[in-house]
């Protein structure tokens, strides 16, 4: 199992089939889906499809969402990382930063830490020129994380009848922001 990044308290590794139960706990929670515009999943079969999709991203694009693991307890906290996005925006395809955590891990700085690790990986390891992200306009926590790690607000756009803030990050600005998190 490949480890992509780690801190003293967090491990970011590839998502594997044995994560199904933890991913189900995460993605079946209505509170987690509040600003996502989709419904919580209902079956483990749905999770197995998601895991297959993520693993295909690793193969096809060299990147995909990572499992976030608390190193102190070994507990699966959620996922974070980059993915190559082809569905959200019809005008172009791009590398997207995203994160999703179990509620008990909210408000602990984990999204910020993992977002920064993802930026570092995308710009330093993958040599990407730009990264993008979006967050529901009412998702205060997620919007704060994106701004804190250095994303610049670009516009509001609509997806599935939801207003989303669109953010961009140019790699030229990454070094200047690399110590701010």
N, C-alpha and C. Protein backbone atom coordinates (compact mmCIF):
# COMPACT_ATOMS: atom_id res chain seq x y z
N UNK A 1 0.85 -1.18 0.00
CA UNK A 1 0.00 0.00 0.00
C UNK A 1 0.90 1.24 0.00
N UNK A 2 0.70 2.10 -0.97
CA UNK A 2 1.54 3.27 -1.14
C UNK A 2 1.15 4.37 -0.16
N UNK A 3 2.17 4.95 0.46
CA UNK A 3 1.99 6.13 1.32
C UNK A 3 2.39 7.34 0.49
N UNK A 4 1.50 8.31 0.40
CA UNK A 4 1.75 9.50 -0.40
C UNK A 4 2.37 10.62 0.42
N UNK A 5 1.96 10.76 1.67
CA UNK A 5 2.45 11.85 2.50
C UNK A 5 2.14 11.52 3.95
N UNK A 6 2.87 12.17 4.86
CA UNK A 6 2.55 12.02 6.28
C UNK A 6 3.08 13.19 7.07
N UNK A 7 2.48 13.37 8.23
CA UNK A 7 2.94 14.34 9.22
C UNK A 7 3.21 13.55 10.49
N UNK A 8 3.46 14.25 11.57
CA UNK A 8 3.67 13.54 12.84
C UNK A 8 2.39 12.88 13.33
N UNK A 9 1.22 13.35 12.88
CA UNK A 9 -0.05 12.80 13.37
C UNK A 9 -0.92 12.15 12.30
N UNK A 10 -0.63 12.39 11.03
CA UNK A 10 -1.49 11.90 9.95
C UNK A 10 -0.70 11.12 8.91
N UNK A 11 -1.36 10.14 8.35
CA UNK A 11 -0.81 9.34 7.25
C UNK A 11 -1.79 9.43 6.09
N UNK A 12 -1.29 9.73 4.90
CA UNK A 12 -2.11 9.76 3.70
C UNK A 12 -1.62 8.64 2.79
N UNK A 13 -2.49 7.66 2.60
CA UNK A 13 -2.12 6.47 1.84
C UNK A 13 -3.20 6.16 0.82
N UNK A 14 -2.87 5.25 -0.09
CA UNK A 14 -3.87 4.88 -1.08
C UNK A 14 -5.07 4.23 -0.41
N UNK A 15 -6.21 4.41 -1.02
CA UNK A 15 -7.45 3.77 -0.56
C UNK A 15 -7.47 2.35 -1.11
N UNK A 16 -7.77 1.40 -0.23
CA UNK A 16 -7.78 -0.02 -0.61
C UNK A 16 -9.14 -0.63 -0.26
N UNK A 17 -9.36 -1.83 -0.76
CA UNK A 17 -10.64 -2.51 -0.57
C UNK A 17 -11.02 -2.67 0.90
N UNK A 18 -10.02 -2.85 1.76
CA UNK A 18 -10.31 -3.04 3.18
C UNK A 18 -10.80 -1.75 3.86
N UNK A 19 -10.81 -0.63 3.15
CA UNK A 19 -11.35 0.63 3.67
C UNK A 19 -12.87 0.72 3.50
N UNK A 20 -13.48 -0.30 2.92
CA UNK A 20 -14.91 -0.23 2.57
C UNK A 20 -15.79 0.12 3.76
N UNK A 21 -15.58 -0.52 4.89
CA UNK A 21 -16.44 -0.26 6.06
C UNK A 21 -16.30 1.19 6.53
N UNK A 22 -15.08 1.69 6.58
CA UNK A 22 -14.86 3.07 7.01
C UNK A 22 -15.42 4.06 6.00
N UNK A 23 -15.24 3.79 4.73
CA UNK A 23 -15.80 4.67 3.70
C UNK A 23 -17.33 4.65 3.74
N UNK A 24 -17.90 3.50 4.04
CA UNK A 24 -19.36 3.42 4.16
C UNK A 24 -19.83 4.28 5.33
N UNK A 25 -19.13 4.20 6.47
CA UNK A 25 -19.49 5.03 7.62
C UNK A 25 -19.44 6.52 7.25
N UNK A 26 -18.43 6.91 6.50
CA UNK A 26 -18.27 8.30 6.08
C UNK A 26 -19.37 8.71 5.10
N UNK A 27 -19.53 7.95 4.03
CA UNK A 27 -20.41 8.36 2.94
C UNK A 27 -21.88 8.01 3.13
N UNK A 28 -22.21 7.32 4.20
CA UNK A 28 -23.63 7.08 4.49
C UNK A 28 -24.18 8.10 5.49
N UNK A 29 -23.34 9.01 5.94
CA UNK A 29 -23.72 10.00 6.94
C UNK A 29 -24.33 11.24 6.26
N UNK A 30 -25.61 11.53 6.50
CA UNK A 30 -26.26 12.69 5.87
C UNK A 30 -25.56 14.01 6.21
N UNK A 31 -25.01 14.12 7.41
CA UNK A 31 -24.33 15.35 7.81
C UNK A 31 -23.11 15.61 6.91
N UNK A 32 -22.42 14.56 6.54
CA UNK A 32 -21.25 14.68 5.66
C UNK A 32 -21.66 15.17 4.27
N UNK A 33 -22.85 14.82 3.83
CA UNK A 33 -23.32 15.15 2.48
C UNK A 33 -24.09 16.47 2.40
N UNK A 34 -24.16 17.19 3.49
CA UNK A 34 -24.98 18.40 3.55
C UNK A 34 -24.74 19.37 2.39
N UNK A 35 -23.47 19.60 2.02
CA UNK A 35 -23.15 20.58 0.98
C UNK A 35 -22.67 19.93 -0.32
N UNK A 36 -22.88 18.65 -0.49
CA UNK A 36 -22.30 17.95 -1.64
C UNK A 36 -23.26 17.79 -2.81
N UNK A 37 -24.53 17.96 -2.59
CA UNK A 37 -25.47 17.85 -3.69
C UNK A 37 -25.78 16.42 -4.12
N UNK A 38 -25.40 15.48 -3.29
CA UNK A 38 -25.76 14.09 -3.58
C UNK A 38 -26.28 13.45 -2.31
N UNK A 39 -26.82 12.28 -2.43
CA UNK A 39 -27.41 11.61 -1.28
C UNK A 39 -26.42 10.64 -0.67
N UNK A 40 -26.53 10.43 0.64
CA UNK A 40 -25.68 9.43 1.28
C UNK A 40 -25.87 8.06 0.63
N UNK A 41 -24.80 7.31 0.59
CA UNK A 41 -24.90 5.97 0.02
C UNK A 41 -25.65 5.05 0.97
N UNK A 42 -26.16 3.97 0.42
CA UNK A 42 -26.98 3.06 1.23
C UNK A 42 -26.43 1.64 1.30
N UNK A 43 -25.48 1.29 0.42
CA UNK A 43 -25.00 -0.09 0.40
C UNK A 43 -23.48 -0.16 0.29
N UNK A 44 -22.93 -1.26 0.76
CA UNK A 44 -21.50 -1.49 0.60
C UNK A 44 -21.13 -1.66 -0.87
N UNK A 45 -22.05 -2.14 -1.68
CA UNK A 45 -21.79 -2.28 -3.12
C UNK A 45 -21.46 -0.92 -3.75
N UNK A 46 -22.15 0.13 -3.29
CA UNK A 46 -21.86 1.47 -3.79
C UNK A 46 -20.44 1.88 -3.42
N UNK A 47 -20.02 1.55 -2.22
CA UNK A 47 -18.66 1.86 -1.77
C UNK A 47 -17.64 1.10 -2.59
N UNK A 48 -17.92 -0.15 -2.88
CA UNK A 48 -17.00 -0.95 -3.69
C UNK A 48 -16.81 -0.31 -5.06
N UNK A 49 -17.88 0.25 -5.63
CA UNK A 49 -17.76 0.96 -6.91
C UNK A 49 -16.89 2.20 -6.77
N UNK A 50 -17.06 2.92 -5.67
CA UNK A 50 -16.27 4.12 -5.42
C UNK A 50 -14.79 3.76 -5.28
N UNK A 51 -14.51 2.71 -4.52
CA UNK A 51 -13.11 2.27 -4.36
C UNK A 51 -12.52 1.89 -5.71
N UNK A 52 -13.26 1.18 -6.52
CA UNK A 52 -12.79 0.81 -7.86
C UNK A 52 -12.49 2.05 -8.70
N UNK A 53 -13.37 3.04 -8.62
CA UNK A 53 -13.18 4.29 -9.36
C UNK A 53 -11.90 5.00 -8.90
N UNK A 54 -11.70 5.09 -7.59
CA UNK A 54 -10.50 5.74 -7.05
C UNK A 54 -9.24 4.99 -7.49
N UNK A 55 -9.27 3.67 -7.39
CA UNK A 55 -8.11 2.87 -7.78
C UNK A 55 -7.82 2.99 -9.28
N UNK A 56 -8.87 3.16 -10.07
CA UNK A 56 -8.68 3.38 -11.51
C UNK A 56 -8.03 4.74 -11.75
N UNK A 57 -8.39 5.73 -10.94
CA UNK A 57 -7.74 7.05 -11.03
C UNK A 57 -6.24 6.91 -10.76
N UNK A 58 -5.87 6.11 -9.76
CA UNK A 58 -4.45 5.90 -9.49
C UNK A 58 -3.75 5.36 -10.74
N UNK A 59 -4.36 4.37 -11.36
CA UNK A 59 -3.79 3.75 -12.57
C UNK A 59 -3.74 4.71 -13.75
N UNK A 60 -4.87 5.33 -14.03
CA UNK A 60 -4.98 6.15 -15.24
C UNK A 60 -4.29 7.50 -15.14
N UNK A 61 -4.32 8.11 -13.95
CA UNK A 61 -3.85 9.48 -13.80
C UNK A 61 -2.71 9.65 -12.80
N UNK A 62 -2.32 8.57 -12.14
CA UNK A 62 -1.22 8.65 -11.18
C UNK A 62 -1.61 9.31 -9.88
N UNK A 63 -2.88 9.57 -9.70
CA UNK A 63 -3.35 10.26 -8.49
C UNK A 63 -4.82 9.93 -8.28
N UNK A 64 -5.27 10.09 -7.06
CA UNK A 64 -6.67 9.89 -6.69
C UNK A 64 -6.78 10.26 -5.22
N UNK A 65 -7.96 10.25 -4.69
CA UNK A 65 -8.13 10.59 -3.27
C UNK A 65 -7.36 9.60 -2.40
N UNK A 66 -6.87 10.10 -1.27
CA UNK A 66 -6.08 9.29 -0.33
C UNK A 66 -6.85 9.07 0.96
N UNK A 67 -6.63 7.94 1.57
CA UNK A 67 -7.16 7.70 2.91
C UNK A 67 -6.38 8.56 3.90
N UNK A 68 -7.09 9.18 4.83
CA UNK A 68 -6.47 9.95 5.90
C UNK A 68 -6.57 9.12 7.16
N UNK A 69 -5.43 8.79 7.74
CA UNK A 69 -5.39 7.92 8.91
C UNK A 69 -4.73 8.67 10.06
N UNK A 70 -5.37 8.63 11.23
CA UNK A 70 -4.80 9.19 12.45
C UNK A 70 -3.68 8.25 12.91
N UNK A 71 -2.44 8.74 12.90
CA UNK A 71 -1.31 7.88 13.24
C UNK A 71 -1.32 7.45 14.71
N UNK A 72 -1.91 8.25 15.57
CA UNK A 72 -1.93 7.90 17.00
C UNK A 72 -2.87 6.74 17.30
N UNK A 73 -3.98 6.67 16.58
CA UNK A 73 -4.99 5.64 16.87
C UNK A 73 -5.13 4.61 15.75
N UNK A 74 -4.61 4.93 14.58
CA UNK A 74 -4.79 4.06 13.42
C UNK A 74 -6.17 4.18 12.79
N UNK A 75 -6.97 5.13 13.27
CA UNK A 75 -8.34 5.27 12.79
C UNK A 75 -8.41 5.99 11.44
N UNK A 76 -9.28 5.50 10.59
CA UNK A 76 -9.57 6.11 9.30
C UNK A 76 -10.40 7.36 9.57
N UNK A 77 -9.86 8.54 9.21
CA UNK A 77 -10.54 9.80 9.49
C UNK A 77 -11.38 10.28 8.31
N UNK A 78 -11.03 9.82 7.11
CA UNK A 78 -11.72 10.26 5.91
C UNK A 78 -10.81 10.15 4.72
N UNK A 79 -11.02 11.03 3.74
CA UNK A 79 -10.13 11.05 2.58
C UNK A 79 -9.81 12.48 2.20
N UNK A 80 -8.71 12.62 1.48
CA UNK A 80 -8.27 13.92 1.00
C UNK A 80 -7.39 13.69 -0.21
N UNK A 81 -7.16 14.71 -0.98
CA UNK A 81 -6.21 14.58 -2.07
C UNK A 81 -6.71 15.13 -3.39
N UNK A 82 -5.97 14.80 -4.41
CA UNK A 82 -6.23 15.28 -5.75
C UNK A 82 -6.90 14.21 -6.59
N UNK A 83 -7.64 14.65 -7.58
CA UNK A 83 -8.13 13.72 -8.60
C UNK A 83 -8.25 14.49 -9.90
N UNK A 84 -8.18 13.75 -10.98
CA UNK A 84 -8.36 14.35 -12.29
C UNK A 84 -9.86 14.38 -12.56
N UNK A 85 -10.41 15.58 -12.65
CA UNK A 85 -11.86 15.77 -12.75
C UNK A 85 -12.27 16.03 -14.19
N UNK A 86 -13.22 15.24 -14.65
CA UNK A 86 -13.71 15.38 -16.03
C UNK A 86 -15.21 15.63 -16.11
N UNK A 87 -15.91 15.65 -14.97
CA UNK A 87 -17.37 15.71 -15.00
C UNK A 87 -17.97 17.02 -14.50
N UNK A 88 -17.33 17.66 -13.54
CA UNK A 88 -17.94 18.81 -12.88
C UNK A 88 -18.06 20.03 -13.80
N UNK A 89 -16.98 20.38 -14.46
CA UNK A 89 -16.98 21.52 -15.37
C UNK A 89 -16.97 21.00 -16.80
N UNK A 90 -17.90 21.44 -17.59
CA UNK A 90 -17.97 20.99 -18.98
C UNK A 90 -16.94 21.72 -19.86
N UNK A 91 -16.44 22.88 -19.39
CA UNK A 91 -15.54 23.67 -20.22
C UNK A 91 -14.09 23.19 -20.21
N UNK A 92 -13.67 22.43 -19.18
CA UNK A 92 -12.31 21.89 -19.17
C UNK A 92 -12.17 20.82 -18.10
N UNK A 93 -11.12 20.02 -18.24
CA UNK A 93 -10.76 18.99 -17.27
C UNK A 93 -9.59 19.53 -16.45
N UNK A 94 -9.46 19.07 -15.20
CA UNK A 94 -8.48 19.68 -14.31
C UNK A 94 -8.18 18.76 -13.13
N UNK A 95 -7.14 19.11 -12.39
CA UNK A 95 -6.83 18.42 -11.14
C UNK A 95 -7.51 19.17 -10.00
N UNK A 96 -8.30 18.44 -9.26
CA UNK A 96 -9.17 18.98 -8.22
C UNK A 96 -8.68 18.56 -6.84
N UNK A 97 -8.65 19.51 -5.91
CA UNK A 97 -8.38 19.19 -4.51
C UNK A 97 -9.71 18.96 -3.81
N UNK A 98 -9.82 17.89 -3.06
CA UNK A 98 -11.02 17.61 -2.28
C UNK A 98 -10.68 16.92 -0.98
N UNK A 99 -11.61 16.94 -0.06
CA UNK A 99 -11.43 16.28 1.23
C UNK A 99 -12.80 16.01 1.81
N UNK A 100 -12.88 14.96 2.58
CA UNK A 100 -14.12 14.58 3.25
C UNK A 100 -13.73 13.82 4.51
N UNK A 101 -14.19 14.31 5.66
CA UNK A 101 -13.82 13.72 6.94
C UNK A 101 -15.04 13.31 7.73
N UNK A 102 -14.86 12.31 8.57
CA UNK A 102 -15.92 11.95 9.52
C UNK A 102 -16.13 13.14 10.46
N UNK A 103 -17.37 13.41 10.87
CA UNK A 103 -17.65 14.58 11.71
C UNK A 103 -16.79 14.66 12.98
N UNK A 104 -16.44 13.55 13.57
CA UNK A 104 -15.63 13.61 14.81
C UNK A 104 -14.25 14.20 14.56
N UNK A 105 -13.83 14.30 13.28
CA UNK A 105 -12.53 14.86 12.93
C UNK A 105 -12.63 16.29 12.41
N UNK A 106 -13.84 16.84 12.36
CA UNK A 106 -14.01 18.21 11.90
C UNK A 106 -13.45 19.18 12.93
N UNK A 107 -12.99 20.33 12.47
CA UNK A 107 -12.54 21.40 13.35
C UNK A 107 -11.21 21.13 14.04
N UNK A 108 -10.44 20.19 13.56
CA UNK A 108 -9.16 19.84 14.19
C UNK A 108 -7.96 20.20 13.31
N UNK A 109 -8.21 20.90 12.21
CA UNK A 109 -7.12 21.29 11.31
C UNK A 109 -6.68 20.21 10.34
N UNK A 110 -7.38 19.08 10.34
CA UNK A 110 -6.98 17.96 9.47
C UNK A 110 -7.19 18.30 8.00
N UNK A 111 -8.30 18.92 7.67
CA UNK A 111 -8.55 19.28 6.26
C UNK A 111 -7.47 20.24 5.77
N UNK A 112 -7.08 21.19 6.59
CA UNK A 112 -6.04 22.14 6.21
C UNK A 112 -4.70 21.43 6.01
N UNK A 113 -4.33 20.58 6.94
CA UNK A 113 -3.05 19.85 6.82
C UNK A 113 -3.03 18.97 5.59
N UNK A 114 -4.11 18.23 5.37
CA UNK A 114 -4.12 17.32 4.22
C UNK A 114 -4.23 18.08 2.90
N UNK A 115 -4.91 19.22 2.91
CA UNK A 115 -4.97 20.05 1.70
C UNK A 115 -3.58 20.54 1.35
N UNK A 116 -2.85 21.00 2.34
CA UNK A 116 -1.49 21.47 2.08
C UNK A 116 -0.60 20.34 1.57
N UNK A 117 -0.70 19.17 2.18
CA UNK A 117 0.09 18.02 1.70
C UNK A 117 -0.26 17.68 0.26
N UNK A 118 -1.53 17.80 -0.08
CA UNK A 118 -1.98 17.53 -1.45
C UNK A 118 -1.42 18.56 -2.43
N UNK A 119 -1.43 19.82 -2.03
CA UNK A 119 -0.85 20.87 -2.87
C UNK A 119 0.63 20.59 -3.10
N UNK A 120 1.33 20.27 -2.03
CA UNK A 120 2.75 19.98 -2.14
C UNK A 120 3.00 18.83 -3.11
N UNK A 121 2.20 17.78 -3.00
CA UNK A 121 2.35 16.63 -3.89
C UNK A 121 2.06 17.03 -5.35
N UNK A 122 0.99 17.76 -5.55
CA UNK A 122 0.62 18.15 -6.90
C UNK A 122 1.64 19.05 -7.57
N UNK A 123 2.15 20.03 -6.83
CA UNK A 123 3.09 20.98 -7.42
C UNK A 123 4.52 20.45 -7.42
N UNK A 124 4.94 19.79 -6.36
CA UNK A 124 6.33 19.34 -6.25
C UNK A 124 6.59 17.99 -6.93
N UNK A 125 5.69 17.04 -6.73
CA UNK A 125 5.90 15.69 -7.28
C UNK A 125 5.34 15.54 -8.69
N UNK A 126 4.13 16.06 -8.90
CA UNK A 126 3.48 15.90 -10.21
C UNK A 126 3.82 17.04 -11.17
N UNK A 127 4.39 18.11 -10.64
CA UNK A 127 4.79 19.28 -11.45
C UNK A 127 3.61 19.91 -12.18
N UNK A 128 2.46 19.95 -11.51
CA UNK A 128 1.27 20.57 -12.11
C UNK A 128 1.43 22.08 -12.10
N UNK A 129 0.84 22.75 -13.06
CA UNK A 129 0.91 24.21 -13.11
C UNK A 129 -0.23 24.87 -12.34
N UNK A 130 -1.37 24.19 -12.26
CA UNK A 130 -2.54 24.75 -11.57
C UNK A 130 -3.31 23.63 -10.87
N UNK A 131 -3.95 24.00 -9.79
CA UNK A 131 -4.91 23.12 -9.11
C UNK A 131 -6.18 23.93 -8.90
N UNK A 132 -7.29 23.21 -8.79
CA UNK A 132 -8.59 23.85 -8.66
C UNK A 132 -9.37 23.18 -7.54
N UNK A 133 -10.36 23.89 -7.03
CA UNK A 133 -11.23 23.34 -5.99
C UNK A 133 -12.54 24.12 -6.01
N UNK A 134 -13.56 23.51 -5.44
CA UNK A 134 -14.83 24.22 -5.29
C UNK A 134 -15.44 23.84 -3.95
N UNK A 135 -16.29 24.72 -3.46
CA UNK A 135 -17.00 24.48 -2.21
C UNK A 135 -18.34 25.19 -2.27
N UNK A 136 -19.35 24.56 -1.72
CA UNK A 136 -20.67 25.19 -1.64
C UNK A 136 -20.51 26.54 -0.95
N UNK A 137 -21.21 27.55 -1.44
CA UNK A 137 -21.05 28.89 -0.89
C UNK A 137 -21.37 28.96 0.61
N UNK A 138 -22.21 28.08 1.11
CA UNK A 138 -22.58 28.10 2.53
C UNK A 138 -21.68 27.21 3.40
N UNK A 139 -20.76 26.48 2.79
CA UNK A 139 -19.88 25.61 3.56
C UNK A 139 -18.69 26.44 4.06
N UNK A 140 -18.91 27.12 5.17
CA UNK A 140 -17.94 28.06 5.71
C UNK A 140 -16.60 27.39 5.99
N UNK A 141 -16.63 26.21 6.61
CA UNK A 141 -15.39 25.52 6.95
C UNK A 141 -14.55 25.20 5.74
N UNK A 142 -15.16 24.65 4.72
CA UNK A 142 -14.41 24.27 3.52
C UNK A 142 -13.87 25.50 2.79
N UNK A 143 -14.66 26.55 2.71
CA UNK A 143 -14.18 27.78 2.08
C UNK A 143 -13.00 28.37 2.84
N UNK A 144 -13.03 28.30 4.16
CA UNK A 144 -11.91 28.80 4.97
C UNK A 144 -10.65 27.99 4.71
N UNK A 145 -10.79 26.68 4.64
CA UNK A 145 -9.63 25.81 4.38
C UNK A 145 -8.99 26.19 3.04
N UNK A 146 -9.79 26.31 2.00
CA UNK A 146 -9.24 26.59 0.68
C UNK A 146 -8.51 27.93 0.65
N UNK A 147 -9.07 28.94 1.28
CA UNK A 147 -8.40 30.24 1.34
C UNK A 147 -7.13 30.17 2.19
N UNK A 148 -7.19 29.45 3.29
CA UNK A 148 -6.04 29.36 4.20
C UNK A 148 -4.83 28.73 3.53
N UNK A 149 -5.05 27.72 2.70
CA UNK A 149 -3.91 27.06 2.06
C UNK A 149 -3.45 27.79 0.80
N UNK A 150 -4.15 28.85 0.40
CA UNK A 150 -3.66 29.69 -0.69
C UNK A 150 -4.48 29.72 -1.96
N UNK A 151 -5.61 29.05 -2.00
CA UNK A 151 -6.46 29.12 -3.19
C UNK A 151 -7.04 30.53 -3.31
N UNK A 152 -7.22 30.97 -4.55
CA UNK A 152 -7.81 32.27 -4.83
C UNK A 152 -9.22 32.06 -5.38
N UNK A 153 -10.17 32.77 -4.79
CA UNK A 153 -11.55 32.71 -5.28
C UNK A 153 -11.58 33.27 -6.70
N UNK A 154 -12.33 32.59 -7.57
CA UNK A 154 -12.42 33.02 -8.96
C UNK A 154 -13.84 33.43 -9.36
N UNK A 155 -14.82 32.58 -9.02
CA UNK A 155 -16.20 32.86 -9.43
C UNK A 155 -17.16 31.96 -8.67
N UNK A 156 -18.44 32.27 -8.79
CA UNK A 156 -19.49 31.38 -8.32
C UNK A 156 -20.10 30.74 -9.56
N UNK A 157 -20.27 29.43 -9.53
CA UNK A 157 -20.93 28.75 -10.63
C UNK A 157 -21.96 27.79 -10.06
N UNK A 158 -22.84 27.32 -10.90
CA UNK A 158 -23.92 26.44 -10.45
C UNK A 158 -23.68 25.02 -10.93
N UNK A 159 -23.88 24.07 -10.03
CA UNK A 159 -23.78 22.66 -10.35
C UNK A 159 -24.90 21.95 -9.60
N UNK A 160 -25.70 21.18 -10.32
CA UNK A 160 -26.85 20.50 -9.72
C UNK A 160 -27.72 21.47 -8.92
N UNK A 161 -27.90 22.66 -9.47
CA UNK A 161 -28.72 23.72 -8.86
C UNK A 161 -28.18 24.21 -7.53
N UNK A 162 -26.88 24.02 -7.29
CA UNK A 162 -26.23 24.51 -6.07
C UNK A 162 -25.20 25.57 -6.44
N UNK A 163 -25.14 26.67 -5.67
CA UNK A 163 -24.10 27.67 -5.92
C UNK A 163 -22.78 27.22 -5.30
N UNK A 164 -21.74 27.17 -6.12
CA UNK A 164 -20.43 26.74 -5.65
C UNK A 164 -19.40 27.83 -5.89
N UNK A 165 -18.52 28.03 -4.91
CA UNK A 165 -17.38 28.91 -5.09
C UNK A 165 -16.29 28.14 -5.82
N UNK A 166 -15.73 28.74 -6.85
CA UNK A 166 -14.67 28.14 -7.65
C UNK A 166 -13.35 28.80 -7.26
N UNK A 167 -12.35 27.97 -7.00
CA UNK A 167 -11.03 28.44 -6.57
C UNK A 167 -9.95 27.92 -7.50
N UNK A 168 -8.89 28.73 -7.63
CA UNK A 168 -7.74 28.36 -8.45
C UNK A 168 -6.46 28.58 -7.64
N UNK A 169 -5.46 27.77 -7.96
CA UNK A 169 -4.15 27.93 -7.33
C UNK A 169 -3.10 27.75 -8.41
N UNK A 170 -2.33 28.79 -8.67
CA UNK A 170 -1.25 28.76 -9.65
C UNK A 170 0.03 28.32 -8.94
N UNK A 171 0.74 27.38 -9.53
CA UNK A 171 1.95 26.84 -8.89
C UNK A 171 2.99 27.92 -8.61
N UNK A 172 2.98 29.01 -9.38
CA UNK A 172 3.94 30.10 -9.15
C UNK A 172 3.75 30.72 -7.77
N UNK A 173 2.56 30.61 -7.22
CA UNK A 173 2.28 31.18 -5.90
C UNK A 173 2.49 30.19 -4.77
N UNK A 174 2.81 28.96 -5.10
CA UNK A 174 2.89 27.92 -4.07
C UNK A 174 4.04 28.13 -3.11
N UNK A 175 5.21 28.44 -3.58
CA UNK A 175 6.36 28.58 -2.69
C UNK A 175 6.10 29.68 -1.67
N UNK A 176 5.51 30.78 -2.10
CA UNK A 176 5.20 31.89 -1.19
C UNK A 176 4.24 31.47 -0.10
N UNK A 177 3.37 30.52 -0.39
CA UNK A 177 2.37 30.09 0.59
C UNK A 177 2.77 28.81 1.33
N UNK A 178 3.90 28.22 0.98
CA UNK A 178 4.21 26.88 1.48
C UNK A 178 4.46 26.83 2.98
N UNK A 179 4.79 27.95 3.61
CA UNK A 179 5.03 27.91 5.05
C UNK A 179 3.89 28.49 5.86
N UNK A 180 2.79 28.84 5.20
CA UNK A 180 1.71 29.52 5.91
C UNK A 180 0.74 28.59 6.62
N UNK A 181 0.88 27.28 6.43
CA UNK A 181 -0.09 26.36 7.05
C UNK A 181 0.51 25.66 8.22
